[in-house]
Amino acid sequence: MKMSETRIRKLAKAMAREMTTRGAVKCMTGADQIADVIGKIMVQDQRIEEEIEGQAREMLSRQPSLPPEGTGEYFAAFQQAKRAIAIRKGFKL
């Protein structure tokens, strides 16, 4: 799911605050540093997923009997292609 950078920052701050409050993570510099790291990881994951989706679309476009985009059949084929590419690259979606 595509999230804006603003949304990612808010989620990262909330996650960092929760982890430091519960004592799951300790940081000498504070929760803001943790939030920055979490945010960078979330942005990186989002970019990787977008890349995988692009490759899945490209793979589907080469199929001769492709169901029309927007149909349930296309969505199922897209998800299957996306999963296969992610597994091949060593990612779990």
PDB file of N, CA and C in Angstrom:
ATOM      1  N   MET A   1       0.845  -1.170   0.000  1.00  0.00           N
ATOM      2  CA  MET A   1       0.000   0.000   0.000  1.00  0.00           C
ATOM      3  C   MET A   1       0.894   1.237   0.000  1.00  0.00           C
ATOM      4  N   LYS A   2       0.627   2.146  -0.891  1.00  0.00           N
ATOM      5  CA  LYS A   2       1.405   3.373  -1.015  1.00  0.00           C
ATOM      6  C   LYS A   2       0.984   4.345   0.082  1.00  0.00           C
ATOM      7  N   MET A   3       1.963   4.801   0.858  1.00  0.00           N
ATOM      8  CA  MET A   3       1.716   5.783   1.906  1.00  0.00           C
ATOM      9  C   MET A   3       2.546   7.023   1.623  1.00  0.00           C
ATOM     10  N   SER A   4       2.019   8.156   2.009  1.00  0.00           N
ATOM     11  CA  SER A   4       2.772   9.400   1.839  1.00  0.00           C
ATOM     12  C   SER A   4       3.916   9.444   2.847  1.00  0.00           C
ATOM     13  N   GLU A   5       4.905  10.264   2.543  1.00  0.00           N
ATOM     14  CA  GLU A   5       6.046  10.408   3.454  1.00  0.00           C
ATOM     15  C   GLU A   5       5.575  10.950   4.806  1.00  0.00           C
ATOM     16  N   THR A   6       4.581  11.824   4.782  1.00  0.00           N
ATOM     17  CA  THR A   6       4.038  12.371   6.025  1.00  0.00           C
ATOM     18  C   THR A   6       3.428  11.259   6.871  1.00  0.00           C
ATOM     19  N   ARG A   7       2.655  10.399   6.237  1.00  0.00           N
ATOM     20  CA  ARG A   7       2.024   9.274   6.948  1.00  0.00           C
ATOM     21  C   ARG A   7       3.079   8.324   7.498  1.00  0.00           C
ATOM     22  N   ILE A   8       4.104   8.066   6.721  1.00  0.00           N
ATOM     23  CA  ILE A   8       5.188   7.189   7.179  1.00  0.00           C
ATOM     24  C   ILE A   8       5.873   7.794   8.400  1.00  0.00           C
ATOM     25  N   ARG A   9       6.153   9.106   8.368  1.00  0.00           N
ATOM     26  CA  ARG A   9       6.788   9.756   9.517  1.00  0.00           C
ATOM     27  C   ARG A   9       5.921   9.648  10.766  1.00  0.00           C
ATOM     28  N   LYS A  10       4.612   9.867  10.611  1.00  0.00           N
ATOM     29  CA  LYS A  10       3.715   9.772  11.768  1.00  0.00           C
ATOM     30  C   LYS A  10       3.695   8.359  12.337  1.00  0.00           C
ATOM     31  N   LEU A  11       3.601   7.360  11.461  1.00  0.00           N
ATOM     32  CA  LEU A  11       3.615   5.973  11.927  1.00  0.00           C
ATOM     33  C   LEU A  11       4.941   5.619  12.589  1.00  0.00           C
ATOM     34  N   ALA A  12       6.048   6.061  11.999  1.00  0.00           N
ATOM     35  CA  ALA A  12       7.365   5.775  12.564  1.00  0.00           C
ATOM     36  C   ALA A  12       7.509   6.409  13.946  1.00  0.00           C
ATOM     37  N   LYS A  13       7.035   7.637  14.108  1.00  0.00           N
ATOM     38  CA  LYS A  13       7.099   8.289  15.423  1.00  0.00           C
ATOM     39  C   LYS A  13       6.250   7.553  16.451  1.00  0.00           C
ATOM     40  N   ALA A  14       5.059   7.129  16.036  1.00  0.00           N
ATOM     41  CA  ALA A  14       4.187   6.392  16.955  1.00  0.00           C
ATOM     42  C   ALA A  14       4.821   5.055  17.352  1.00  0.00           C
ATOM     43  N   MET A  15       5.425   4.380  16.397  1.00  0.00           N
ATOM     44  CA  MET A  15       6.070   3.102  16.687  1.00  0.00           C
ATOM     45  C   MET A  15       7.264   3.308  17.624  1.00  0.00           C
ATOM     46  N   ALA A  16       8.076   4.319  17.365  1.00  0.00           N
ATOM     47  CA  ALA A  16       9.238   4.595  18.206  1.00  0.00           C
ATOM     48  C   ALA A  16       8.808   4.958  19.621  1.00  0.00           C
ATOM     49  N   ARG A  17       7.781   5.774  19.732  1.00  0.00           N
ATOM     50  CA  ARG A  17       7.271   6.170  21.049  1.00  0.00           C
ATOM     51  C   ARG A  17       6.778   4.942  21.817  1.00  0.00           C
ATOM     52  N   GLU A  18       6.043   4.069  21.133  1.00  0.00           N
ATOM     53  CA  GLU A  18       5.521   2.861  21.770  1.00  0.00           C
ATOM     54  C   GLU A  18       6.655   1.933  22.219  1.00  0.00           C
ATOM     55  N   MET A  19       7.649   1.765  21.362  1.00  0.00           N
ATOM     56  CA  MET A  19       8.761   0.872  21.715  1.00  0.00           C
ATOM     57  C   MET A  19       9.579   1.416  22.885  1.00  0.00           C
ATOM     58  N   THR A  20       9.814   2.722  22.918  1.00  0.00           N
ATOM     59  CA  THR A  20      10.585   3.281  24.029  1.00  0.00           C
ATOM     60  C   THR A  20       9.765   3.300  25.314  1.00  0.00           C
ATOM     61  N   THR A  21       8.479   3.561  25.205  1.00  0.00           N
ATOM     62  CA  THR A  21       7.605   3.565  26.379  1.00  0.00           C
ATOM     63  C   THR A  21       7.552   2.185  27.030  1.00  0.00           C
ATOM     64  N   ARG A  22       7.461   1.150  26.216  1.00  0.00           N
ATOM     65  CA  ARG A  22       7.395  -0.220  26.737  1.00  0.00           C
ATOM     66  C   ARG A  22       8.756  -0.769  27.151  1.00  0.00           C
ATOM     67  N   GLY A  23       9.795  -0.040  26.847  1.00  0.00           N
ATOM     68  CA  GLY A  23      11.133  -0.497  27.197  1.00  0.00           C
ATOM     69  C   GLY A  23      11.690  -1.544  26.242  1.00  0.00           C
ATOM     70  N   ALA A  24      11.060  -1.705  25.095  1.00  0.00           N
ATOM     71  CA  ALA A  24      11.529  -2.679  24.107  1.00  0.00           C
ATOM     72  C   ALA A  24      12.814  -2.204  23.440  1.00  0.00           C
ATOM     73  N   VAL A  25      12.989  -0.885  23.388  1.00  0.00           N
ATOM     74  CA  VAL A  25      14.172  -0.296  22.758  1.00  0.00           C
ATOM     75  C   VAL A  25      14.670   0.830  23.660  1.00  0.00           C
ATOM     76  N   LYS A  26      15.976   0.899  23.799  1.00  0.00           N
ATOM     77  CA  LYS A  26      16.574   2.007  24.551  1.00  0.00           C
ATOM     78  C   LYS A  26      17.518   2.740  23.612  1.00  0.00           C
ATOM     79  N   CYS A  27      17.434   4.054  23.652  1.00  0.00           N
ATOM     80  CA  CYS A  27      18.268   4.862  22.768  1.00  0.00           C
ATOM     81  C   CYS A  27      18.755   6.073  23.551  1.00  0.00           C
ATOM     82  N   MET A  28      20.039   6.315  23.482  1.00  0.00           N
ATOM     83  CA  MET A  28      20.628   7.438  24.212  1.00  0.00           C
ATOM     84  C   MET A  28      20.192   8.781  23.623  1.00  0.00           C
ATOM     85  N   THR A  29      19.905   8.798  22.329  1.00  0.00           N
ATOM     86  CA  THR A  29      19.574  10.067  21.676  1.00  0.00           C
ATOM     87  C   THR A  29      18.081  10.353  21.641  1.00  0.00           C
ATOM     88  N   GLY A  30      17.236   9.385  21.939  1.00  0.00           N
ATOM     89  CA  GLY A  30      15.807   9.619  22.000  1.00  0.00           C
ATOM     90  C   GLY A  30      15.011   8.936  20.902  1.00  0.00           C
ATOM     91  N   ALA A  31      13.715   9.042  21.026  1.00  0.00           N
ATOM     92  CA  ALA A  31      12.795   8.364  20.117  1.00  0.00           C
ATOM     93  C   ALA A  31      12.856   8.916  18.698  1.00  0.00           C
ATOM     94  N   ASP A  32      13.289  10.163  18.540  1.00  0.00           N
ATOM     95  CA  ASP A  32      13.351  10.746  17.195  1.00  0.00           C
ATOM     96  C   ASP A  32      14.339  10.001  16.303  1.00  0.00           C
ATOM     97  N   GLN A  33      15.466   9.576  16.862  1.00  0.00           N
ATOM     98  CA  GLN A  33      16.453   8.811  16.084  1.00  0.00           C
ATOM     99  C   GLN A  33      15.872   7.461  15.675  1.00  0.00           C
ATOM    100  N   ILE A  34      15.165   6.834  16.578  1.00  0.00           N
ATOM    101  CA  ILE A  34      14.535   5.549  16.277  1.00  0.00           C
ATOM    102  C   ILE A  34      13.482   5.750  15.190  1.00  0.00           C
ATOM    103  N   ALA A  35      12.701   6.800  15.301  1.00  0.00           N
ATOM    104  CA  ALA A  35      11.666   7.094  14.301  1.00  0.00           C
ATOM    105  C   ALA A  35      12.280   7.319  12.928  1.00  0.00           C
ATOM    106  N   ASP A  36      13.431   7.986  12.884  1.00  0.00           N
ATOM    107  CA  ASP A  36      14.108   8.207  11.601  1.00  0.00           C
ATOM    108  C   ASP A  36      14.514   6.886  10.953  1.00  0.00           C
ATOM    109  N   VAL A  37      15.054   5.986  11.743  1.00  0.00           N
ATOM    110  CA  VAL A  37      15.476   4.685  11.213  1.00  0.00           C
ATOM    111  C   VAL A  37      14.265   3.887  10.742  1.00  0.00           C
ATOM    112  N   ILE A  38      13.215   3.863  11.537  1.00  0.00           N
ATOM    113  CA  ILE A  38      11.995   3.140  11.158  1.00  0.00           C
ATOM    114  C   ILE A  38      11.421   3.733   9.874  1.00  0.00           C
ATOM    115  N   GLY A  39      11.369   5.043   9.786  1.00  0.00           N
ATOM    116  CA  GLY A  39      10.842   5.703   8.595  1.00  0.00           C
ATOM    117  C   GLY A  39      11.640   5.366   7.349  1.00  0.00           C
ATOM    118  N   LYS A  40      12.967   5.357   7.457  1.00  0.00           N
ATOM    119  CA  LYS A  40      13.810   5.013   6.306  1.00  0.00           C
ATOM    120  C   LYS A  40      13.551   3.576   5.853  1.00  0.00           C
ATOM    121  N   ILE A  41      13.386   2.678   6.802  1.00  0.00           N
ATOM    122  CA  ILE A  41      13.112   1.277   6.461  1.00  0.00           C
ATOM    123  C   ILE A  41      11.755   1.157   5.785  1.00  0.00           C
ATOM    124  N   MET A  42      10.762   1.873   6.282  1.00  0.00           N
ATOM    125  CA  MET A  42       9.427   1.818   5.683  1.00  0.00           C
ATOM    126  C   MET A  42       9.438   2.358   4.257  1.00  0.00           C
ATOM    127  N   VAL A  43      10.163   3.439   4.022  1.00  0.00           N
ATOM    128  CA  VAL A  43      10.263   4.013   2.674  1.00  0.00           C
ATOM    129  C   VAL A  43      10.970   3.027   1.752  1.00  0.00           C
ATOM    130  N   GLN A  44      12.039   2.414   2.240  1.00  0.00           N
ATOM    131  CA  GLN A  44      12.775   1.430   1.438  1.00  0.00           C
ATOM    132  C   GLN A  44      11.880   0.244   1.086  1.00  0.00           C
ATOM    133  N   ASP A  45      11.137  -0.263   2.065  1.00  0.00           N
ATOM    134  CA  ASP A  45      10.220  -1.380   1.803  1.00  0.00           C
ATOM    135  C   ASP A  45       9.165  -0.997   0.773  1.00  0.00           C
ATOM    136  N   GLN A  46       8.665   0.212   0.868  1.00  0.00           N
ATOM    137  CA  GLN A  46       7.648   0.680  -0.082  1.00  0.00           C
ATOM    138  C   GLN A  46       8.216   0.754  -1.496  1.00  0.00           C
ATOM    139  N   ARG A  47       9.444   1.226  -1.628  1.00  0.00           N
ATOM    140  CA  ARG A  47      10.082   1.302  -2.947  1.00  0.00           C
ATOM    141  C   ARG A  47      10.314  -0.088  -3.527  1.00  0.00           C
ATOM    142  N   ILE A  48      10.725  -1.021  -2.691  1.00  0.00           N
ATOM    143  CA  ILE A  48      10.943  -2.392  -3.159  1.00  0.00           C
ATOM    144  C   ILE A  48       9.627  -2.998  -3.626  1.00  0.00           C
ATOM    145  N   GLU A  49       8.559  -2.779  -2.866  1.00  0.00           N
ATOM    146  CA  GLU A  49       7.258  -3.306  -3.275  1.00  0.00           C
ATOM    147  C   GLU A  49       6.800  -2.688  -4.590  1.00  0.00           C
ATOM    148  N   GLU A  50       7.022  -1.394  -4.783  1.00  0.00           N
ATOM    149  CA  GLU A  50       6.662  -0.743  -6.043  1.00  0.00           C
ATOM    150  C   GLU A  50       7.452  -1.345  -7.207  1.00  0.00           C
ATOM    151  N   GLU A  51       8.723  -1.637  -6.974  1.00  0.00           N
ATOM    152  CA  GLU A  51       9.555  -2.252  -8.003  1.00  0.00           C
ATOM    153  C   GLU A  51       9.025  -3.641  -8.361  1.00  0.00           C
ATOM    154  N   ILE A  52       8.667  -4.404  -7.349  1.00  0.00           N
ATOM    155  CA  ILE A  52       8.119  -5.744  -7.575  1.00  0.00           C
ATOM    156  C   ILE A  52       6.797  -5.653  -8.330  1.00  0.00           C
ATOM    157  N   GLU A  53       5.950  -4.695  -7.978  1.00  0.00           N
ATOM    158  CA  GLU A  53       4.682  -4.522  -8.680  1.00  0.00           C
ATOM    159  C   GLU A  53       4.903  -4.178 -10.149  1.00  0.00           C
ATOM    160  N   GLY A  54       5.889  -3.327 -10.431  1.00  0.00           N
ATOM    161  CA  GLY A  54       6.212  -2.986 -11.811  1.00  0.00           C
ATOM    162  C   GLY A  54       6.658  -4.205 -12.600  1.00  0.00           C
ATOM    163  N   GLN A  55       7.471  -5.033 -11.967  1.00  0.00           N
ATOM    164  CA  GLN A  55       7.926  -6.250 -12.629  1.00  0.00           C
ATOM    165  C   GLN A  55       6.765  -7.220 -12.854  1.00  0.00           C
ATOM    166  N   ALA A  56       5.830  -7.272 -11.905  1.00  0.00           N
ATOM    167  CA  ALA A  56       4.664  -8.145 -12.061  1.00  0.00           C
ATOM    168  C   ALA A  56       3.789  -7.665 -13.223  1.00  0.00           C
ATOM    169  N   ARG A  57       3.592  -6.355 -13.331  1.00  0.00           N
ATOM    170  CA  ARG A  57       2.812  -5.808 -14.450  1.00  0.00           C
ATOM    171  C   ARG A  57       3.484  -6.124 -15.782  1.00  0.00           C
ATOM    172  N   GLU A  58       4.808  -5.974 -15.813  1.00  0.00           N
ATOM    173  CA  GLU A  58       5.555  -6.268 -17.030  1.00  0.00           C
ATOM    174  C   GLU A  58       5.418  -7.746 -17.395  1.00  0.00           C
ATOM    175  N   MET A  59       5.514  -8.611 -16.404  1.00  0.00           N
ATOM    176  CA  MET A  59       5.382 -10.046 -16.637  1.00  0.00           C
ATOM    177  C   MET A  59       3.986 -10.372 -17.194  1.00  0.00           C
ATOM    178  N   LEU A  60       2.966  -9.755 -16.623  1.00  0.00           N
ATOM    179  CA  LEU A  60       1.593 -10.012 -17.071  1.00  0.00           C
ATOM    180  C   LEU A  60       1.352  -9.458 -18.472  1.00  0.00           C
ATOM    181  N   SER A  61       1.993  -8.360 -18.807  1.00  0.00           N
ATOM    182  CA  SER A  61       1.770  -7.755 -20.127  1.00  0.00           C
ATOM    183  C   SER A  61       2.279  -8.646 -21.256  1.00  0.00           C
ATOM    184  N   ARG A  62       3.179  -9.562 -20.943  1.00  0.00           N
ATOM    185  CA  ARG A  62       3.714 -10.476 -21.955  1.00  0.00           C
ATOM    186  C   ARG A  62       2.838 -11.708 -22.158  1.00  0.00           C
ATOM    187  N   GLN A  63       1.814 -11.861 -21.316  1.00  0.00           N
ATOM    188  CA  GLN A  63       0.941 -13.029 -21.444  1.00  0.00           C
ATOM    189  C   GLN A  63      -0.087 -12.780 -22.544  1.00  0.00           C
ATOM    190  N   PRO A  64      -0.266 -13.751 -23.443  1.00  0.00           N
ATOM    191  CA  PRO A  64      -1.189 -13.556 -24.568  1.00  0.00           C
ATOM    192  C   PRO A  64      -2.664 -13.494 -24.146  1.00  0.00           C
ATOM    193  N   SER A  65      -3.039 -14.255 -23.156  1.00  0.00           N
ATOM    194  CA  SER A  65      -4.457 -14.285 -22.755  1.00  0.00           C
ATOM    195  C   SER A  65      -4.632 -13.645 -21.384  1.00  0.00           C
ATOM    196  N   LEU A  66      -4.352 -12.364 -21.321  1.00  0.00           N
ATOM    197  CA  LEU A  66      -4.433 -11.627 -20.074  1.00  0.00           C
ATOM    198  C   LEU A  66      -5.865 -11.141 -19.833  1.00  0.00           C
ATOM    199  N   PRO A  67      -6.423 -11.415 -18.644  1.00  0.00           N
ATOM    200  CA  PRO A  67      -7.754 -10.881 -18.346  1.00  0.00           C
ATOM    201  C   PRO A  67      -7.708  -9.352 -18.308  1.00  0.00           C
ATOM    202  N   PRO A  68      -8.824  -8.697 -18.553  1.00  0.00           N
ATOM    203  CA  PRO A  68      -8.831  -7.221 -18.532  1.00  0.00           C
ATOM    204  C   PRO A  68      -8.459  -6.671 -17.151  1.00  0.00           C
ATOM    205  N   GLU A  69      -7.687  -5.585 -17.160  1.00  0.00           N
ATOM    206  CA  GLU A  69      -7.301  -4.943 -15.911  1.00  0.00           C
ATOM    207  C   GLU A  69      -8.549  -4.488 -15.164  1.00  0.00           C
ATOM    208  N   GLY A  70      -8.522  -4.618 -13.853  1.00  0.00           N
ATOM    209  CA  GLY A  70      -9.663  -4.220 -13.035  1.00  0.00           C
ATOM    210  C   GLY A  70     -10.583  -5.379 -12.695  1.00  0.00           C
ATOM    211  N   THR A  71     -10.407  -6.504 -13.360  1.00  0.00           N
ATOM    212  CA  THR A  71     -11.241  -7.665 -13.060  1.00  0.00           C
ATOM    213  C   THR A  71     -10.611  -8.483 -11.936  1.00  0.00           C
ATOM    214  N   GLY A  72     -11.403  -9.319 -11.343  1.00  0.00           N
ATOM    215  CA  GLY A  72     -10.909 -10.193 -10.290  1.00  0.00           C
ATOM    216  C   GLY A  72      -9.842 -11.147 -10.790  1.00  0.00           C
ATOM    217  N   GLU A  73     -10.010 -11.600 -12.028  1.00  0.00           N
ATOM    218  CA  GLU A  73      -9.030 -12.524 -12.608  1.00  0.00           C
ATOM    219  C   GLU A  73      -7.672 -11.841 -12.773  1.00  0.00           C
ATOM    220  N   TYR A  74      -7.688 -10.584 -13.227  1.00  0.00           N
ATOM    221  CA  TYR A  74      -6.428  -9.848 -13.386  1.00  0.00           C
ATOM    222  C   TYR A  74      -5.773  -9.639 -12.023  1.00  0.00           C
ATOM    223  N   PHE A  75      -6.567  -9.259 -11.031  1.00  0.00           N
ATOM    224  CA  PHE A  75      -6.034  -9.016  -9.699  1.00  0.00           C
ATOM    225  C   PHE A  75      -5.399 -10.293  -9.136  1.00  0.00           C
ATOM    226  N   ALA A  76      -6.059 -11.434  -9.320  1.00  0.00           N
ATOM    227  CA  ALA A  76      -5.514 -12.700  -8.838  1.00  0.00           C
ATOM    228  C   ALA A  76      -4.207 -13.039  -9.551  1.00  0.00           C
ATOM    229  N   ALA A  77      -4.162 -12.841 -10.859  1.00  0.00           N
ATOM    230  CA  ALA A  77      -2.941 -13.103 -11.624  1.00  0.00           C
ATOM    231  C   ALA A  77      -1.830 -12.148 -11.199  1.00  0.00           C
ATOM    232  N   PHE A  78      -2.179 -10.887 -10.955  1.00  0.00           N
ATOM    233  CA  PHE A  78      -1.211  -9.888 -10.514  1.00  0.00           C
ATOM    234  C   PHE A  78      -0.623 -10.264  -9.153  1.00  0.00           C
ATOM    235  N   GLN A  79      -1.480 -10.647  -8.227  1.00  0.00           N
ATOM    236  CA  GLN A  79      -1.017 -11.030  -6.893  1.00  0.00           C
ATOM    237  C   GLN A  79      -0.110 -12.262  -6.956  1.00  0.00           C
ATOM    238  N   GLN A  80      -0.467 -13.201  -7.795  1.00  0.00           N
ATOM    239  CA  GLN A  80       0.330 -14.415  -7.943  1.00  0.00           C
ATOM    240  C   GLN A  80       1.713 -14.070  -8.531  1.00  0.00           C
ATOM    241  N   ALA A  81       1.743 -13.231  -9.552  1.00  0.00           N
ATOM    242  CA  ALA A  81       3.012 -12.821 -10.154  1.00  0.00           C
ATOM    243  C   ALA A  81       3.847 -12.036  -9.148  1.00  0.00           C
ATOM    244  N   LYS A  82       3.215 -11.166  -8.400  1.00  0.00           N
ATOM    245  CA  LYS A  82       3.900 -10.350  -7.399  1.00  0.00           C
ATOM    246  C   LYS A  82       4.528 -11.238  -6.316  1.00  0.00           C
ATOM    247  N   ARG A  83       3.761 -12.231  -5.840  1.00  0.00           N
ATOM    248  CA  ARG A  83       4.285 -13.168  -4.841  1.00  0.00           C
ATOM    249  C   ARG A  83       5.484 -13.940  -5.379  1.00  0.00           C
ATOM    250  N   ALA A  84       5.379 -14.413  -6.620  1.00  0.00           N
ATOM    251  CA  ALA A  84       6.456 -15.200  -7.219  1.00  0.00           C
ATOM    252  C   ALA A  84       7.740 -14.371  -7.336  1.00  0.00           C
ATOM    253  N   ILE A  85       7.613 -13.131  -7.757  1.00  0.00           N
ATOM    254  CA  ILE A  85       8.785 -12.257  -7.891  1.00  0.00           C
ATOM    255  C   ILE A  85       9.381 -11.962  -6.519  1.00  0.00           C
ATOM    256  N   ALA A  86       8.527 -11.684  -5.542  1.00  0.00           N
ATOM    257  CA  ALA A  86       9.008 -11.395  -4.187  1.00  0.00           C
ATOM    258  C   ALA A  86       9.763 -12.589  -3.610  1.00  0.00           C
ATOM    259  N   ILE A  87       9.234 -13.777  -3.801  1.00  0.00           N
ATOM    260  CA  ILE A  87       9.895 -14.990  -3.299  1.00  0.00           C
ATOM    261  C   ILE A  87      11.246 -15.163  -3.986  1.00  0.00           C
ATOM    262  N   ARG A  88      11.260 -14.970  -5.300  1.00  0.00           N
ATOM    263  CA  ARG A  88      12.508 -15.108  -6.059  1.00  0.00           C
ATOM    264  C   ARG A  88      13.575 -14.121  -5.559  1.00  0.00           C
ATOM    265  N   LYS A  89      13.144 -12.928  -5.135  1.00  0.00           N
ATOM    266  CA  LYS A  89      14.078 -11.909  -4.649  1.00  0.00           C
ATOM    267  C   LYS A  89      14.367 -12.038  -3.155  1.00  0.00           C
ATOM    268  N   GLY A  90      13.655 -12.960  -2.484  1.00  0.00           N
ATOM    269  CA  GLY A  90      13.888 -13.173  -1.064  1.00  0.00           C
ATOM    270  C   GLY A  90      13.127 -12.236  -0.151  1.00  0.00           C
ATOM    271  N   PHE A  91      12.024 -11.690  -0.636  1.00  0.00           N
ATOM    272  CA  PHE A  91      11.191 -10.792   0.164  1.00  0.00           C
ATOM    273  C   PHE A  91       9.885 -11.466   0.519  1.00  0.00           C
ATOM    274  N   LYS A  92       9.350 -11.072   1.662  1.00  0.00           N
ATOM    275  CA  LYS A  92       8.038 -11.555   2.063  1.00  0.00           C
ATOM    276  C   LYS A  92       7.089 -10.368   2.069  1.00  0.00           C
ATOM    277  N   LEU A  93       6.014 -10.472   1.291  1.00  0.00           N
ATOM    278  CA  LEU A  93       5.043  -9.370   1.227  1.00  0.00           C
ATOM    279  C   LEU A  93       3.924  -9.586   2.201  1.00  0.00           C
TER     280      LEU A  93
END
